[in-house]
């Protein structure tokens, strides 16, 4: 074997070694199982659930404003009283020590407080917004896990294309060398084939790194790094236009069911309740107050005397002037309400834009899949003919390399279009608020069964 051949073999073994250095994990993983693992493991969804639990307590806090408040205080101490009494013989000094005790139990029941009513309505709006945001994260997880899974599958496809490219480039290089040894080729053709082979090797190294990165991105959501993913089976895919086949219907659905829009609508309710709450601070409040007081030697004048007092009263507080604080707070709340209304308008426009983008993306992906599928067939036939022409001396080495590259690029574009169709379809449903876990199972049905 010549030095040149040994160099080629060493390069091939290097790339093959890189392909085999990826960490191996025996557990197979399909899309449905990946989604189930992500539901339990993904930090973003767990944080959303914790935030939702936090928001739910706002209603309990608001209800507390309508319930009685019970306070108890107790005091026990040792006192000393010094007294001076004038006598005919001069002042008489006396120190007296005694124990003192005081207990007080009070119950305050709010009867009228407009601010509390507004606060309760605001709390319900806060929880409703939190519900919408939690649903957004829950169904957004479907898109995120599907995107990560498709990225990993596309990286695996790229690795397969790279292996084919390296193998074909090496075969072309070896064939070019044999032709040159027989006096049928030129050194330029060998250099061209060598350059294509070196490029295939360099591209393979980059693709291996990309595959490892995409698998780790998937494991970041699922907590599982699996090398055995279920492959997409093109024959199982259902290529269909969105139903309903009208973008305006999808936009109408999004305006009523999109989670971001729903959250923005609740933000308006929160702002309106804040305005009511600030205005309510100008109204009087009425409380029912019950009090039980017991004291023993409570003052210097009641030494060794015990008192027990029961009282019931209505207490009204009327705010008169707060230096303009209330008026400023009302204006501030009104400005926040205006901001919430504008944010709703912006959100509705953004959703409409997303619906159009993903709707057209589904249709475009279907057309691309059909076009690239035909292109792969045509380029495959063209490559076969070009190779035969090269063997007969009718086509050049460059023609073979170009035909080979076009075939690989067509296969790569076809693979990308298939995954893009899946993502556009799920993102369209997510933007319209129509995405569900059943969509994961549907896409999973398009995959092969992962082998253990």
Foldseek 3Di string as FASTA:
>chain_A
DDPVVVVLVVLVVVLVVLLVPQDADDDEDELLNLLVLLCVQAPVLVVLVVVLVVLLCLLVVLVVLQAKDKDKDKDKDKDKDWDWDQDPVGIDIDIDIDIKMKIKIKIKGWDDFQLSVLSNLLSVLSSQLSVLVSVLVSLVSSLQLLVLLLQLLLLVVVLVLLVVQLVVLVVLLVVQVVCVVVVNHDVVLNVVSVVSNVVSSVVSSVSSVSNSVSQVSSCSSRVDRHPFYFHFAVVLDDQDADPVNDLVVLLVLLCVAASVLSSLVSQLSSLVSQLSSLVSVQAKIKMKMWMWMWIACPDPVRHRHIDIDTDIDIDIDHDDDDPCPSVVSNVVSVVSSVVSVVVSVVLSVVLSVLLVVLSVLLVVLSVLLVVLVVQLVVLVVVLVVQVVCVVVVNHGSVSNSVSSVSNSVSVSSNSVSVSSNLSSVSSNCNSSNNDDSVSSVSSSSSTHDGDD
